[in-house]
């Protein structure tokens, strides 16, 4: 049964047929936070270039010399590159140890097995830390969270809050993705964007159950304590704080990006598999390089959260234990990513 194929009841309540799919909706849609956030505007082609010293670098324009092929989201291997590395780091400050694994909140069987260095670090860690442990949500919490916040209290419809052309484009993509348009009719633009993105990923063969964070929360079950850096409600509030205009822009960016979703998602996956923090950073930065709105969304989805999560990890490290941390890959990369923030606080960062 498709992820979102449940029916709206005539009395406008969440019926039994919806509750079975609601669990998947919460897990997958909120789990797609990183994927949606770094696909807001359309991303230009990426180019992986090599300088005269045979050092790899990335840019959003063609290389001056034919040192690499054009990389529209996908990342080719450049001459002189060594073996691939996991999107995985170790941070130490003389007290505790933080193992930091960049996560993709969606996954596929091809993601596994993970590199042995990652598995060994998990086995030898004391605590698993994730952004939000959605597996702990009860049916009551799920029913009151995503669908509650994602619908209008006055029972108005999505088309009442966005332009007609945006609504028509939404219906067109929903039909292309075989997503029941009745599901989109009563939700806010941000939730419509999440649902479309989740359905696109699902049709490409990805699922939340094989996402990296879900894999480790399952591995930790009854074996290690699991701590959250945020909560499911925190993540929902990130979207719900946006104005109608900002939400419509978010939806428009999502509609534009999903027209070439498979190519984009492939690039994110390849950057993750290669442990290529520079490529991931470029993907993230290019996604927020246009306009005041994009800057505001980048601040909300990344910069503010990066700082909060880094401060929390610093506090945890002071107790001397070893923490295995799984957070969205986009939060680790960049000059204001978690890795740099930890380094600025005196942590030694290595990529095993």
C-alpha atoms as a PDB file:
ATOM      1  CA  UNK A   1       0.000   0.000   0.000  1.00  0.00           C
ATOM      2  CA  UNK A   2       1.513   3.356  -0.979  1.00  0.00           C
ATOM      3  CA  UNK A   3       2.740   5.475   1.893  1.00  0.00           C
ATOM      4  CA  UNK A   4       0.031   8.116   1.721  1.00  0.00           C
ATOM      5  CA  UNK A   5      -2.863   6.164   0.267  1.00  0.00           C
ATOM      6  CA  UNK A   6      -5.402   6.660   3.026  1.00  0.00           C
ATOM      7  CA  UNK A   7      -8.766   8.380   2.799  1.00  0.00           C
ATOM      8  CA  UNK A   8     -10.141  11.462   4.492  1.00  0.00           C
ATOM      9  CA  UNK A   9     -13.240  10.693   6.518  1.00  0.00           C
ATOM     10  CA  UNK A  10     -16.360  12.680   5.744  1.00  0.00           C
ATOM     11  CA  UNK A  11     -16.437  14.085   9.290  1.00  0.00           C
ATOM     12  CA  UNK A  12     -12.917  15.453   8.761  1.00  0.00           C
ATOM     13  CA  UNK A  13     -11.326  13.274  11.482  1.00  0.00           C
ATOM     14  CA  UNK A  14      -8.407  10.901  11.231  1.00  0.00           C
ATOM     15  CA  UNK A  15     -10.042   7.509  10.781  1.00  0.00           C
ATOM     16  CA  UNK A  16      -8.710   4.030  11.301  1.00  0.00           C
ATOM     17  CA  UNK A  17      -7.516   3.682   7.702  1.00  0.00           C
ATOM     18  CA  UNK A  18      -5.440   6.841   8.172  1.00  0.00           C
ATOM     19  CA  UNK A  19      -3.837   5.815  11.441  1.00  0.00           C
ATOM     20  CA  UNK A  20      -2.020   2.883   9.888  1.00  0.00           C
ATOM     21  CA  UNK A  21      -0.362   5.195   7.362  1.00  0.00           C
ATOM     22  CA  UNK A  22       0.079   8.067   9.790  1.00  0.00           C
ATOM     23  CA  UNK A  23       3.000   6.341  11.477  1.00  0.00           C
ATOM     24  CA  UNK A  24       4.793   6.098   8.151  1.00  0.00           C
ATOM     25  CA  UNK A  25       3.910   9.684   7.322  1.00  0.00           C
ATOM     26  CA  UNK A  26       5.454  11.035  10.523  1.00  0.00           C
ATOM     27  CA  UNK A  27       8.568   8.872  10.305  1.00  0.00           C
ATOM     28  CA  UNK A  28       9.247   9.459   6.648  1.00  0.00           C
ATOM     29  CA  UNK A  29       8.096  13.059   6.234  1.00  0.00           C
ATOM     30  CA  UNK A  30       9.887  14.398   9.300  1.00  0.00           C
ATOM     31  CA  UNK A  31      12.777  12.098   8.506  1.00  0.00           C
ATOM     32  CA  UNK A  32      13.059  13.886   5.163  1.00  0.00           C
ATOM     33  CA  UNK A  33      13.810  17.207   6.883  1.00  0.00           C
ATOM     34  CA  UNK A  34      17.410  17.327   5.645  1.00  0.00           C
ATOM     35  CA  UNK A  35      16.463  16.217   2.171  1.00  0.00           C
ATOM     36  CA  UNK A  36      13.779  18.854   1.828  1.00  0.00           C
ATOM     37  CA  UNK A  37      15.820  21.602   3.436  1.00  0.00           C
ATOM     38  CA  UNK A  38      18.769  21.220   1.088  1.00  0.00           C
ATOM     39  CA  UNK A  39      16.590  21.020  -1.994  1.00  0.00           C
ATOM     40  CA  UNK A  40      14.756  24.312  -1.631  1.00  0.00           C
ATOM     41  CA  UNK A  41      15.768  26.235  -4.758  1.00  0.00           C
ATOM     42  CA  UNK A  42      16.937  24.404  -7.847  1.00  0.00           C
ATOM     43  CA  UNK A  43      20.608  23.563  -7.519  1.00  0.00           C
ATOM     44  CA  UNK A  44      22.900  24.391 -10.396  1.00  0.00           C
ATOM     45  CA  UNK A  45      25.365  21.859 -11.758  1.00  0.00           C
ATOM     46  CA  UNK A  46      28.325  20.961  -9.585  1.00  0.00           C
ATOM     47  CA  UNK A  47      31.842  20.679 -10.958  1.00  0.00           C
ATOM     48  CA  UNK A  48      34.584  18.699  -9.300  1.00  0.00           C
ATOM     49  CA  UNK A  49      37.906  20.160 -10.402  1.00  0.00           C
ATOM     50  CA  UNK A  50      41.592  19.454  -9.823  1.00  0.00           C
ATOM     51  CA  UNK A  51      44.186  22.216  -9.399  1.00  0.00           C
ATOM     52  CA  UNK A  52      47.816  22.184 -10.555  1.00  0.00           C
ATOM     53  CA  UNK A  53      48.817  20.465  -7.307  1.00  0.00           C
ATOM     54  CA  UNK A  54      46.344  17.656  -8.014  1.00  0.00           C
ATOM     55  CA  UNK A  55      44.096  18.804  -5.170  1.00  0.00           C
ATOM     56  CA  UNK A  56      40.355  18.373  -5.587  1.00  0.00           C
ATOM     57  CA  UNK A  57      37.998  21.318  -5.145  1.00  0.00           C
ATOM     58  CA  UNK A  58      34.369  22.101  -5.970  1.00  0.00           C
ATOM     59  CA  UNK A  59      32.697  25.024  -7.684  1.00  0.00           C
ATOM     60  CA  UNK A  60      29.406  25.916  -9.346  1.00  0.00           C
ATOM     61  CA  UNK A  61      30.955  26.836 -12.707  1.00  0.00           C
ATOM     62  CA  UNK A  62      32.921  24.806 -15.264  1.00  0.00           C
ATOM     63  CA  UNK A  63      36.559  24.080 -14.465  1.00  0.00           C
ATOM     64  CA  UNK A  64      38.982  26.341 -16.348  1.00  0.00           C
ATOM     65  CA  UNK A  65      40.587  23.275 -17.840  1.00  0.00           C
ATOM     66  CA  UNK A  66      38.991  19.961 -18.684  1.00  0.00           C
ATOM     67  CA  UNK A  67      39.968  18.385 -15.395  1.00  0.00           C
ATOM     68  CA  UNK A  68      36.585  16.815 -14.725  1.00  0.00           C
ATOM     69  CA  UNK A  69      33.208  16.189 -16.258  1.00  0.00           C
ATOM     70  CA  UNK A  70      30.197  18.290 -15.415  1.00  0.00           C
ATOM     71  CA  UNK A  71      28.537  17.031 -12.271  1.00  0.00           C
ATOM     72  CA  UNK A  72      24.832  17.900 -12.156  1.00  0.00           C
ATOM     73  CA  UNK A  73      24.301  16.615  -8.597  1.00  0.00           C
ATOM     74  CA  UNK A  74      26.412  13.499  -9.182  1.00  0.00           C
ATOM     75  CA  UNK A  75      30.029  13.396  -8.095  1.00  0.00           C
ATOM     76  CA  UNK A  76      32.643  11.767 -10.292  1.00  0.00           C
ATOM     77  CA  UNK A  77      35.965  10.564  -8.940  1.00  0.00           C
ATOM     78  CA  UNK A  78      38.866  12.844  -9.796  1.00  0.00           C
ATOM     79  CA  UNK A  79      42.391  11.778 -10.714  1.00  0.00           C
ATOM     80  CA  UNK A  80      44.598  11.207  -7.700  1.00  0.00           C
ATOM     81  CA  UNK A  81      41.777  10.629  -5.257  1.00  0.00           C
ATOM     82  CA  UNK A  82      42.286   7.869  -2.732  1.00  0.00           C
ATOM     83  CA  UNK A  83      39.838   5.375  -1.356  1.00  0.00           C
ATOM     84  CA  UNK A  84      36.369   6.503  -0.398  1.00  0.00           C
ATOM     85  CA  UNK A  85      35.790   7.462   3.226  1.00  0.00           C
ATOM     86  CA  UNK A  86      32.674   7.258   5.324  1.00  0.00           C
ATOM     87  CA  UNK A  87      30.776  10.430   6.226  1.00  0.00           C
ATOM     88  CA  UNK A  88      32.124   9.876   9.699  1.00  0.00           C
ATOM     89  CA  UNK A  89      34.360  11.740  12.181  1.00  0.00           C
ATOM     90  CA  UNK A  90      35.829  11.409  15.645  1.00  0.00           C
ATOM     91  CA  UNK A  91      35.945  14.427  17.976  1.00  0.00           C
ATOM     92  CA  UNK A  92      37.950  14.419  21.214  1.00  0.00           C
ATOM     93  CA  UNK A  93      38.623  17.070  23.839  1.00  0.00           C
ATOM     94  CA  UNK A  94      40.543  15.151  26.494  1.00  0.00           C
ATOM     95  CA  UNK A  95      37.344  14.225  28.305  1.00  0.00           C
ATOM     96  CA  UNK A  96      34.759  12.337  26.326  1.00  0.00           C
ATOM     97  CA  UNK A  97      34.690  11.030  22.770  1.00  0.00           C
ATOM     98  CA  UNK A  98      32.163  11.931  20.089  1.00  0.00           C
ATOM     99  CA  UNK A  99      31.799   9.750  17.011  1.00  0.00           C
ATOM    100  CA  UNK A 100      29.822  11.770  14.467  1.00  0.00           C
ATOM    101  CA  UNK A 101      28.088  10.003  11.589  1.00  0.00           C
ATOM    102  CA  UNK A 102      26.304  12.033   8.939  1.00  0.00           C
ATOM    103  CA  UNK A 103      22.876  10.574   8.369  1.00  0.00           C
ATOM    104  CA  UNK A 104      20.519  10.303   5.460  1.00  0.00           C
ATOM    105  CA  UNK A 105      17.021   9.989   6.878  1.00  0.00           C
ATOM    106  CA  UNK A 106      16.018   7.815   3.958  1.00  0.00           C
ATOM    107  CA  UNK A 107      17.820   4.697   2.824  1.00  0.00           C
ATOM    108  CA  UNK A 108      18.034   1.621   0.646  1.00  0.00           C
ATOM    109  CA  UNK A 109      19.587  -1.820   0.904  1.00  0.00           C
ATOM    110  CA  UNK A 110      22.574  -0.598  -1.113  1.00  0.00           C
ATOM    111  CA  UNK A 111      23.602   1.579   1.865  1.00  0.00           C
ATOM    112  CA  UNK A 112      24.580  -1.516   3.819  1.00  0.00           C
ATOM    113  CA  UNK A 113      26.749  -2.938   5.208  1.00  0.00           C
ATOM    114  CA  UNK A 114      28.271   0.225   6.607  1.00  0.00           C
ATOM    115  CA  UNK A 115      32.080   0.533   6.826  1.00  0.00           C
ATOM    116  CA  UNK A 116      33.569  -1.539   9.629  1.00  0.00           C
ATOM    117  CA  UNK A 117      35.116   1.535  11.254  1.00  0.00           C
ATOM    118  CA  UNK A 118      31.595   2.895  11.753  1.00  0.00           C
ATOM    119  CA  UNK A 119      30.225  -0.363  13.141  1.00  0.00           C
ATOM    120  CA  UNK A 120      33.165  -0.734  15.530  1.00  0.00           C
ATOM    121  CA  UNK A 121      32.704   2.789  16.841  1.00  0.00           C
ATOM    122  CA  UNK A 122      29.037   2.106  17.500  1.00  0.00           C
ATOM    123  CA  UNK A 123      29.794  -1.150  19.315  1.00  0.00           C
ATOM    124  CA  UNK A 124      32.372   0.566  21.527  1.00  0.00           C
ATOM    125  CA  UNK A 125      30.223   3.591  22.343  1.00  0.00           C
ATOM    126  CA  UNK A 126      28.245   4.081  25.543  1.00  0.00           C
ATOM    127  CA  UNK A 127      25.314   6.110  24.237  1.00  0.00           C
ATOM    128  CA  UNK A 128      23.567   6.643  20.895  1.00  0.00           C
ATOM    129  CA  UNK A 129      22.598  10.261  20.170  1.00  0.00           C
ATOM    130  CA  UNK A 130      20.143  11.147  17.383  1.00  0.00           C
ATOM    131  CA  UNK A 131      18.344  14.283  16.270  1.00  0.00           C
ATOM    132  CA  UNK A 132      14.945  12.876  17.206  1.00  0.00           C
ATOM    133  CA  UNK A 133      13.969   9.294  18.018  1.00  0.00           C
ATOM    134  CA  UNK A 134      10.747   9.016  16.062  1.00  0.00           C
ATOM    135  CA  UNK A 135      10.507   5.316  16.942  1.00  0.00           C
ATOM    136  CA  UNK A 136       9.508   6.327  20.465  1.00  0.00           C
ATOM    137  CA  UNK A 137       6.435   8.247  19.332  1.00  0.00           C
ATOM    138  CA  UNK A 138       3.105   6.832  20.414  1.00  0.00           C
ATOM    139  CA  UNK A 139       0.074   6.832  18.131  1.00  0.00           C
ATOM    140  CA  UNK A 140      -1.415   9.606  20.254  1.00  0.00           C
ATOM    141  CA  UNK A 141       1.701  11.755  19.936  1.00  0.00           C
ATOM    142  CA  UNK A 142       1.814  11.245  16.185  1.00  0.00           C
ATOM    143  CA  UNK A 143      -1.857  12.075  15.750  1.00  0.00           C
ATOM    144  CA  UNK A 144      -1.417  15.305  17.684  1.00  0.00           C
ATOM    145  CA  UNK A 145       1.865  16.341  16.122  1.00  0.00           C
ATOM    146  CA  UNK A 146       2.378  16.355  12.379  1.00  0.00           C
ATOM    147  CA  UNK A 147      -1.268  16.204  11.221  1.00  0.00           C
ATOM    148  CA  UNK A 148      -2.422  18.535  14.001  1.00  0.00           C
ATOM    149  CA  UNK A 149       0.113  21.269  13.290  1.00  0.00           C
ATOM    150  CA  UNK A 150       0.029  20.626   9.567  1.00  0.00           C
ATOM    151  CA  UNK A 151      -3.652  21.425   9.122  1.00  0.00           C
ATOM    152  CA  UNK A 152      -5.486  24.724   9.468  1.00  0.00           C
ATOM    153  CA  UNK A 153      -7.458  25.176  12.697  1.00  0.00           C
ATOM    154  CA  UNK A 154     -10.227  26.983  10.796  1.00  0.00           C
ATOM    155  CA  UNK A 155     -10.550  23.992   8.448  1.00  0.00           C
ATOM    156  CA  UNK A 156      -9.574  26.070   5.431  1.00  0.00           C
ATOM    157  CA  UNK A 157      -7.886  24.405   2.483  1.00  0.00           C
ATOM    158  CA  UNK A 158      -4.398  24.557   1.023  1.00  0.00           C
ATOM    159  CA  UNK A 159      -5.671  26.260  -2.130  1.00  0.00           C
ATOM    160  CA  UNK A 160      -7.104  29.073   0.033  1.00  0.00           C
ATOM    161  CA  UNK A 161      -3.593  30.022   1.180  1.00  0.00           C
ATOM    162  CA  UNK A 162      -1.562  29.787  -2.025  1.00  0.00           C
ATOM    163  CA  UNK A 163      -1.809  31.155  -5.547  1.00  0.00           C
ATOM    164  CA  UNK A 164      -3.881  29.276  -8.096  1.00  0.00           C
ATOM    165  CA  UNK A 165      -0.815  28.553 -10.234  1.00  0.00           C
ATOM    166  CA  UNK A 166       0.969  27.039  -7.211  1.00  0.00           C
ATOM    167  CA  UNK A 167      -2.043  24.870  -6.443  1.00  0.00           C
ATOM    168  CA  UNK A 168      -2.236  23.670 -10.051  1.00  0.00           C
ATOM    169  CA  UNK A 169       1.475  22.788 -10.049  1.00  0.00           C
ATOM    170  CA  UNK A 170       0.983  20.922  -6.779  1.00  0.00           C
ATOM    171  CA  UNK A 171      -1.840  18.857  -8.257  1.00  0.00           C
ATOM    172  CA  UNK A 172       0.214  18.167 -11.378  1.00  0.00           C
ATOM    173  CA  UNK A 173       3.158  16.811  -9.391  1.00  0.00           C
ATOM    174  CA  UNK A 174       0.894  14.845  -7.037  1.00  0.00           C
ATOM    175  CA  UNK A 175      -0.628  13.131 -10.066  1.00  0.00           C
ATOM    176  CA  UNK A 176       2.837  12.415 -11.482  1.00  0.00           C
ATOM    177  CA  UNK A 177       3.897  10.862  -8.175  1.00  0.00           C
ATOM    178  CA  UNK A 178       0.595   8.972  -7.808  1.00  0.00           C
ATOM    179  CA  UNK A 179      -0.152  10.771  -4.558  1.00  0.00           C
ATOM    180  CA  UNK A 180      -3.841  11.171  -3.711  1.00  0.00           C
ATOM    181  CA  UNK A 181      -4.512  14.893  -4.142  1.00  0.00           C
ATOM    182  CA  UNK A 182      -7.245  14.742  -1.487  1.00  0.00           C
ATOM    183  CA  UNK A 183      -4.476  14.318   1.064  1.00  0.00           C
ATOM    184  CA  UNK A 184      -2.919  17.626   0.050  1.00  0.00           C
ATOM    185  CA  UNK A 185      -6.171  19.566  -0.016  1.00  0.00           C
ATOM    186  CA  UNK A 186      -6.427  20.067   3.748  1.00  0.00           C
ATOM    187  CA  UNK A 187      -2.786  20.528   4.782  1.00  0.00           C
ATOM    188  CA  UNK A 188      -0.499  23.543   5.052  1.00  0.00           C
ATOM    189  CA  UNK A 189       2.073  24.215   2.314  1.00  0.00           C
ATOM    190  CA  UNK A 190       5.026  23.001   4.413  1.00  0.00           C
ATOM    191  CA  UNK A 191       3.362  19.651   5.059  1.00  0.00           C
ATOM    192  CA  UNK A 192       2.387  19.341   1.402  1.00  0.00           C
ATOM    193  CA  UNK A 193       6.054  19.879   0.524  1.00  0.00           C
ATOM    194  CA  UNK A 194       7.136  17.170   2.973  1.00  0.00           C
ATOM    195  CA  UNK A 195       4.550  14.724   1.667  1.00  0.00           C
ATOM    196  CA  UNK A 196       5.540  15.287  -1.962  1.00  0.00           C
ATOM    197  CA  UNK A 197       9.207  14.888  -1.130  1.00  0.00           C
ATOM    198  CA  UNK A 198       8.599  11.709   0.841  1.00  0.00           C
ATOM    199  CA  UNK A 199       6.503  10.228  -1.960  1.00  0.00           C
ATOM    200  CA  UNK A 200       9.202  11.092  -4.503  1.00  0.00           C
ATOM    201  CA  UNK A 201      11.838   9.329  -2.409  1.00  0.00           C
ATOM    202  CA  UNK A 202       9.593   6.332  -1.928  1.00  0.00           C
ATOM    203  CA  UNK A 203       9.047   5.972  -5.669  1.00  0.00           C
ATOM    204  CA  UNK A 204      12.822   6.060  -6.179  1.00  0.00           C
ATOM    205  CA  UNK A 205      13.167   3.032  -3.908  1.00  0.00           C
ATOM    206  CA  UNK A 206      14.136   4.754  -0.663  1.00  0.00           C
ATOM    207  CA  UNK A 207      12.388   4.255   2.660  1.00  0.00           C
ATOM    208  CA  UNK A 208      12.610   5.503   6.240  1.00  0.00           C
ATOM    209  CA  UNK A 209      13.121   2.033   7.683  1.00  0.00           C
ATOM    210  CA  UNK A 210      16.536   1.808   5.997  1.00  0.00           C
ATOM    211  CA  UNK A 211      17.527   5.359   6.882  1.00  0.00           C
ATOM    212  CA  UNK A 212      20.798   5.631   8.812  1.00  0.00           C
ATOM    213  CA  UNK A 213      19.337   7.058  12.011  1.00  0.00           C
ATOM    214  CA  UNK A 214      16.570   4.458  12.073  1.00  0.00           C
ATOM    215  CA  UNK A 215      19.126   1.676  11.509  1.00  0.00           C
ATOM    216  CA  UNK A 216      21.084   2.675  14.602  1.00  0.00           C
ATOM    217  CA  UNK A 217      18.086   3.277  16.848  1.00  0.00           C
ATOM    218  CA  UNK A 218      17.012  -0.267  16.014  1.00  0.00           C
ATOM    219  CA  UNK A 219      20.529  -1.559  16.719  1.00  0.00           C
ATOM    220  CA  UNK A 220      20.563   0.250  20.059  1.00  0.00           C
ATOM    221  CA  UNK A 221      17.211  -1.143  21.168  1.00  0.00           C
ATOM    222  CA  UNK A 222      17.580  -2.684  24.641  1.00  0.00           C
ATOM    223  CA  UNK A 223      21.386  -2.450  24.297  1.00  0.00           C
ATOM    224  CA  UNK A 224      22.333   1.216  24.591  1.00  0.00           C
ATOM    225  CA  UNK A 225      20.602   4.304  25.924  1.00  0.00           C
ATOM    226  CA  UNK A 226      19.331   6.631  23.201  1.00  0.00           C
ATOM    227  CA  UNK A 227      19.385  10.401  23.647  1.00  0.00           C
ATOM    228  CA  UNK A 228      17.756  13.070  21.491  1.00  0.00           C
ATOM    229  CA  UNK A 229      19.213  16.429  20.503  1.00  0.00           C
ATOM    230  CA  UNK A 230      15.774  17.618  19.452  1.00  0.00           C
ATOM    231  CA  UNK A 231      12.252  16.247  19.506  1.00  0.00           C
ATOM    232  CA  UNK A 232       9.711  15.465  16.826  1.00  0.00           C
ATOM    233  CA  UNK A 233       7.758  18.503  18.006  1.00  0.00           C
ATOM    234  CA  UNK A 234      10.840  20.725  17.693  1.00  0.00           C
ATOM    235  CA  UNK A 235      11.228  19.675  14.077  1.00  0.00           C
ATOM    236  CA  UNK A 236       7.562  20.244  13.275  1.00  0.00           C
ATOM    237  CA  UNK A 237       7.763  23.714  14.829  1.00  0.00           C
ATOM    238  CA  UNK A 238      10.593  24.616  12.439  1.00  0.00           C
ATOM    239  CA  UNK A 239       8.084  24.525   9.607  1.00  0.00           C
ATOM    240  CA  UNK A 240       5.005  25.737  11.440  1.00  0.00           C
ATOM    241  CA  UNK A 241       6.677  29.027  12.415  1.00  0.00           C
ATOM    242  CA  UNK A 242       6.882  30.039   8.751  1.00  0.00           C
ATOM    243  CA  UNK A 243       4.430  32.591   7.358  1.00  0.00           C
ATOM    244  CA  UNK A 244       2.001  31.696   4.565  1.00  0.00           C
ATOM    245  CA  UNK A 245       4.284  33.415   2.048  1.00  0.00           C
ATOM    246  CA  UNK A 246       7.365  31.556   3.285  1.00  0.00           C
ATOM    247  CA  UNK A 247       5.500  28.262   3.246  1.00  0.00           C
ATOM    248  CA  UNK A 248       4.351  28.841  -0.318  1.00  0.00           C
ATOM    249  CA  UNK A 249       7.915  29.603  -1.382  1.00  0.00           C
ATOM    250  CA  UNK A 250       9.029  26.398   0.326  1.00  0.00           C
ATOM    251  CA  UNK A 251       6.391  24.468  -1.599  1.00  0.00           C
ATOM    252  CA  UNK A 252       7.353  26.135  -4.890  1.00  0.00           C
ATOM    253  CA  UNK A 253      11.027  25.294  -4.404  1.00  0.00           C
ATOM    254  CA  UNK A 254      10.088  21.704  -3.634  1.00  0.00           C
ATOM    255  CA  UNK A 255       7.917  21.442  -6.749  1.00  0.00           C
ATOM    256  CA  UNK A 256      10.776  22.756  -8.874  1.00  0.00           C
ATOM    257  CA  UNK A 257      13.372  20.446  -7.338  1.00  0.00           C
ATOM    258  CA  UNK A 258      11.272  17.301  -7.562  1.00  0.00           C
ATOM    259  CA  UNK A 259      10.982  17.673 -11.315  1.00  0.00           C
ATOM    260  CA  UNK A 260      14.490  16.187 -11.372  1.00  0.00           C
ATOM    261  CA  UNK A 261      14.381  14.495  -7.967  1.00  0.00           C
ATOM    262  CA  UNK A 262      16.154  11.226  -8.881  1.00  0.00           C
ATOM    263  CA  UNK A 263      19.221  13.043 -10.194  1.00  0.00           C
ATOM    264  CA  UNK A 264      19.394  15.312  -7.169  1.00  0.00           C
ATOM    265  CA  UNK A 265      18.924  12.552  -4.604  1.00  0.00           C
ATOM    266  CA  UNK A 266      21.579  10.454  -6.337  1.00  0.00           C
ATOM    267  CA  UNK A 267      24.108  13.243  -5.843  1.00  0.00           C
ATOM    268  CA  UNK A 268      23.341  13.571  -2.138  1.00  0.00           C
ATOM    269  CA  UNK A 269      23.702   9.813  -1.696  1.00  0.00           C
ATOM    270  CA  UNK A 270      27.017   9.717  -3.580  1.00  0.00           C
ATOM    271  CA  UNK A 271      28.474  12.578  -1.527  1.00  0.00           C
ATOM    272  CA  UNK A 272      27.443  10.744   1.629  1.00  0.00           C
ATOM    273  CA  UNK A 273      28.843   7.391   0.525  1.00  0.00           C
ATOM    274  CA  UNK A 274      32.210   8.981  -0.289  1.00  0.00           C
ATOM    275  CA  UNK A 275      32.441  10.913   2.962  1.00  0.00           C
ATOM    276  CA  UNK A 276      32.763  14.004   0.786  1.00  0.00           C
ATOM    277  CA  UNK A 277      32.075  16.865   3.183  1.00  0.00           C
ATOM    278  CA  UNK A 278      33.102  19.504   0.623  1.00  0.00           C
ATOM    279  CA  UNK A 279      30.583  18.264  -1.917  1.00  0.00           C
ATOM    280  CA  UNK A 280      27.833  18.081   0.706  1.00  0.00           C
ATOM    281  CA  UNK A 281      28.634  21.615   1.831  1.00  0.00           C
ATOM    282  CA  UNK A 282      28.437  22.900  -1.728  1.00  0.00           C
ATOM    283  CA  UNK A 283      25.073  21.206  -2.254  1.00  0.00           C
ATOM    284  CA  UNK A 284      23.742  22.808   0.931  1.00  0.00           C
ATOM    285  CA  UNK A 285      25.143  26.271   0.198  1.00  0.00           C
ATOM    286  CA  UNK A 286      23.916  26.311  -3.391  1.00  0.00           C
ATOM    287  CA  UNK A 287      20.454  25.441  -2.151  1.00  0.00           C
ATOM    288  CA  UNK A 288      20.285  28.657  -0.141  1.00  0.00           C
ATOM    289  CA  UNK A 289      22.171  31.097  -2.336  1.00  0.00           C
ATOM    290  CA  UNK A 290      19.254  33.115  -3.688  1.00  0.00           C
ATOM    291  CA  UNK A 291      17.273  35.823  -1.935  1.00  0.00           C
ATOM    292  CA  UNK A 292      16.389  36.926   1.560  1.00  0.00           C
ATOM    293  CA  UNK A 293      13.892  34.109   2.048  1.00  0.00           C
ATOM    294  CA  UNK A 294      16.488  31.439   1.326  1.00  0.00           C
ATOM    295  CA  UNK A 295      18.837  33.081   3.823  1.00  0.00           C
ATOM    296  CA  UNK A 296      16.147  33.037   6.499  1.00  0.00           C
ATOM    297  CA  UNK A 297      15.314  29.389   5.859  1.00  0.00           C
ATOM    298  CA  UNK A 298      18.994  28.450   5.963  1.00  0.00           C
ATOM    299  CA  UNK A 299      19.293  30.160   9.327  1.00  0.00           C
ATOM    300  CA  UNK A 300      16.217  28.351  10.681  1.00  0.00           C
ATOM    301  CA  UNK A 301      16.933  24.892   9.295  1.00  0.00           C
ATOM    302  CA  UNK A 302      20.701  24.830   9.732  1.00  0.00           C
ATOM    303  CA  UNK A 303      22.624  27.586  11.517  1.00  0.00           C
ATOM    304  CA  UNK A 304      20.455  27.902  14.629  1.00  0.00           C
ATOM    305  CA  UNK A 305      20.083  24.146  14.953  1.00  0.00           C
ATOM    306  CA  UNK A 306      23.796  23.513  14.353  1.00  0.00           C
ATOM    307  CA  UNK A 307      24.692  25.796  17.236  1.00  0.00           C
ATOM    308  CA  UNK A 308      22.138  24.249  19.587  1.00  0.00           C
ATOM    309  CA  UNK A 309      23.214  20.704  18.746  1.00  0.00           C
ATOM    310  CA  UNK A 310      26.934  21.502  18.999  1.00  0.00           C
ATOM    311  CA  UNK A 311      26.464  23.078  22.439  1.00  0.00           C
ATOM    312  CA  UNK A 312      24.506  20.044  23.585  1.00  0.00           C
ATOM    313  CA  UNK A 313      27.248  17.693  22.366  1.00  0.00           C
ATOM    314  CA  UNK A 314      29.907  19.741  24.153  1.00  0.00           C
ATOM    315  CA  UNK A 315      27.956  19.399  27.390  1.00  0.00           C
ATOM    316  CA  UNK A 316      27.588  15.650  26.901  1.00  0.00           C
ATOM    317  CA  UNK A 317      31.282  15.136  26.188  1.00  0.00           C
ATOM    318  CA  UNK A 318      32.237  16.530  29.587  1.00  0.00           C
ATOM    319  CA  UNK A 319      31.064  13.388  31.413  1.00  0.00           C
ATOM    320  CA  UNK A 320      33.859  11.267  29.935  1.00  0.00           C
ATOM    321  CA  UNK A 321      31.662   8.800  28.096  1.00  0.00           C
ATOM    322  CA  UNK A 322      31.816   7.815  24.426  1.00  0.00           C
ATOM    323  CA  UNK A 323      28.880   9.022  22.333  1.00  0.00           C
ATOM    324  CA  UNK A 324      27.903   7.764  18.896  1.00  0.00           C
ATOM    325  CA  UNK A 325      26.124  10.707  17.268  1.00  0.00           C
ATOM    326  CA  UNK A 326      23.923  10.407  14.180  1.00  0.00           C
ATOM    327  CA  UNK A 327      22.757  13.720  12.687  1.00  0.00           C
ATOM    328  CA  UNK A 328      21.761  14.873   9.228  1.00  0.00           C
ATOM    329  CA  UNK A 329      24.808  15.107   6.965  1.00  0.00           C
ATOM    330  CA  UNK A 330      24.117  18.734   6.107  1.00  0.00           C
ATOM    331  CA  UNK A 331      24.590  19.683   9.759  1.00  0.00           C
ATOM    332  CA  UNK A 332      28.173  18.434   9.831  1.00  0.00           C
ATOM    333  CA  UNK A 333      29.477  20.241   6.756  1.00  0.00           C
ATOM    334  CA  UNK A 334      30.413  23.866   6.213  1.00  0.00           C
ATOM    335  CA  UNK A 335      32.129  26.687   8.088  1.00  0.00           C
ATOM    336  CA  UNK A 336      29.205  26.875  10.515  1.00  0.00           C
ATOM    337  CA  UNK A 337      28.559  23.153  10.653  1.00  0.00           C
ATOM    338  CA  UNK A 338      28.854  21.061  13.803  1.00  0.00           C
ATOM    339  CA  UNK A 339      32.369  19.835  12.983  1.00  0.00           C
ATOM    340  CA  UNK A 340      33.729  23.377  12.684  1.00  0.00           C
ATOM    341  CA  UNK A 341      31.848  24.537  15.773  1.00  0.00           C
ATOM    342  CA  UNK A 342      33.369  21.711  17.818  1.00  0.00           C
ATOM    343  CA  UNK A 343      36.814  22.443  16.417  1.00  0.00           C
ATOM    344  CA  UNK A 344      36.464  26.080  17.466  1.00  0.00           C
ATOM    345  CA  UNK A 345      35.760  24.865  21.001  1.00  0.00           C
ATOM    346  CA  UNK A 346      39.028  22.940  21.156  1.00  0.00           C
ATOM    347  CA  UNK A 347      38.020  19.521  19.857  1.00  0.00           C
ATOM    348  CA  UNK A 348      40.450  17.546  17.715  1.00  0.00           C
ATOM    349  CA  UNK A 349      38.566  16.348  14.630  1.00  0.00           C
ATOM    350  CA  UNK A 350      39.697  13.352  12.583  1.00  0.00           C
ATOM    351  CA  UNK A 351      38.073  11.345   9.803  1.00  0.00           C
ATOM    352  CA  UNK A 352      38.885   7.661  10.477  1.00  0.00           C
END
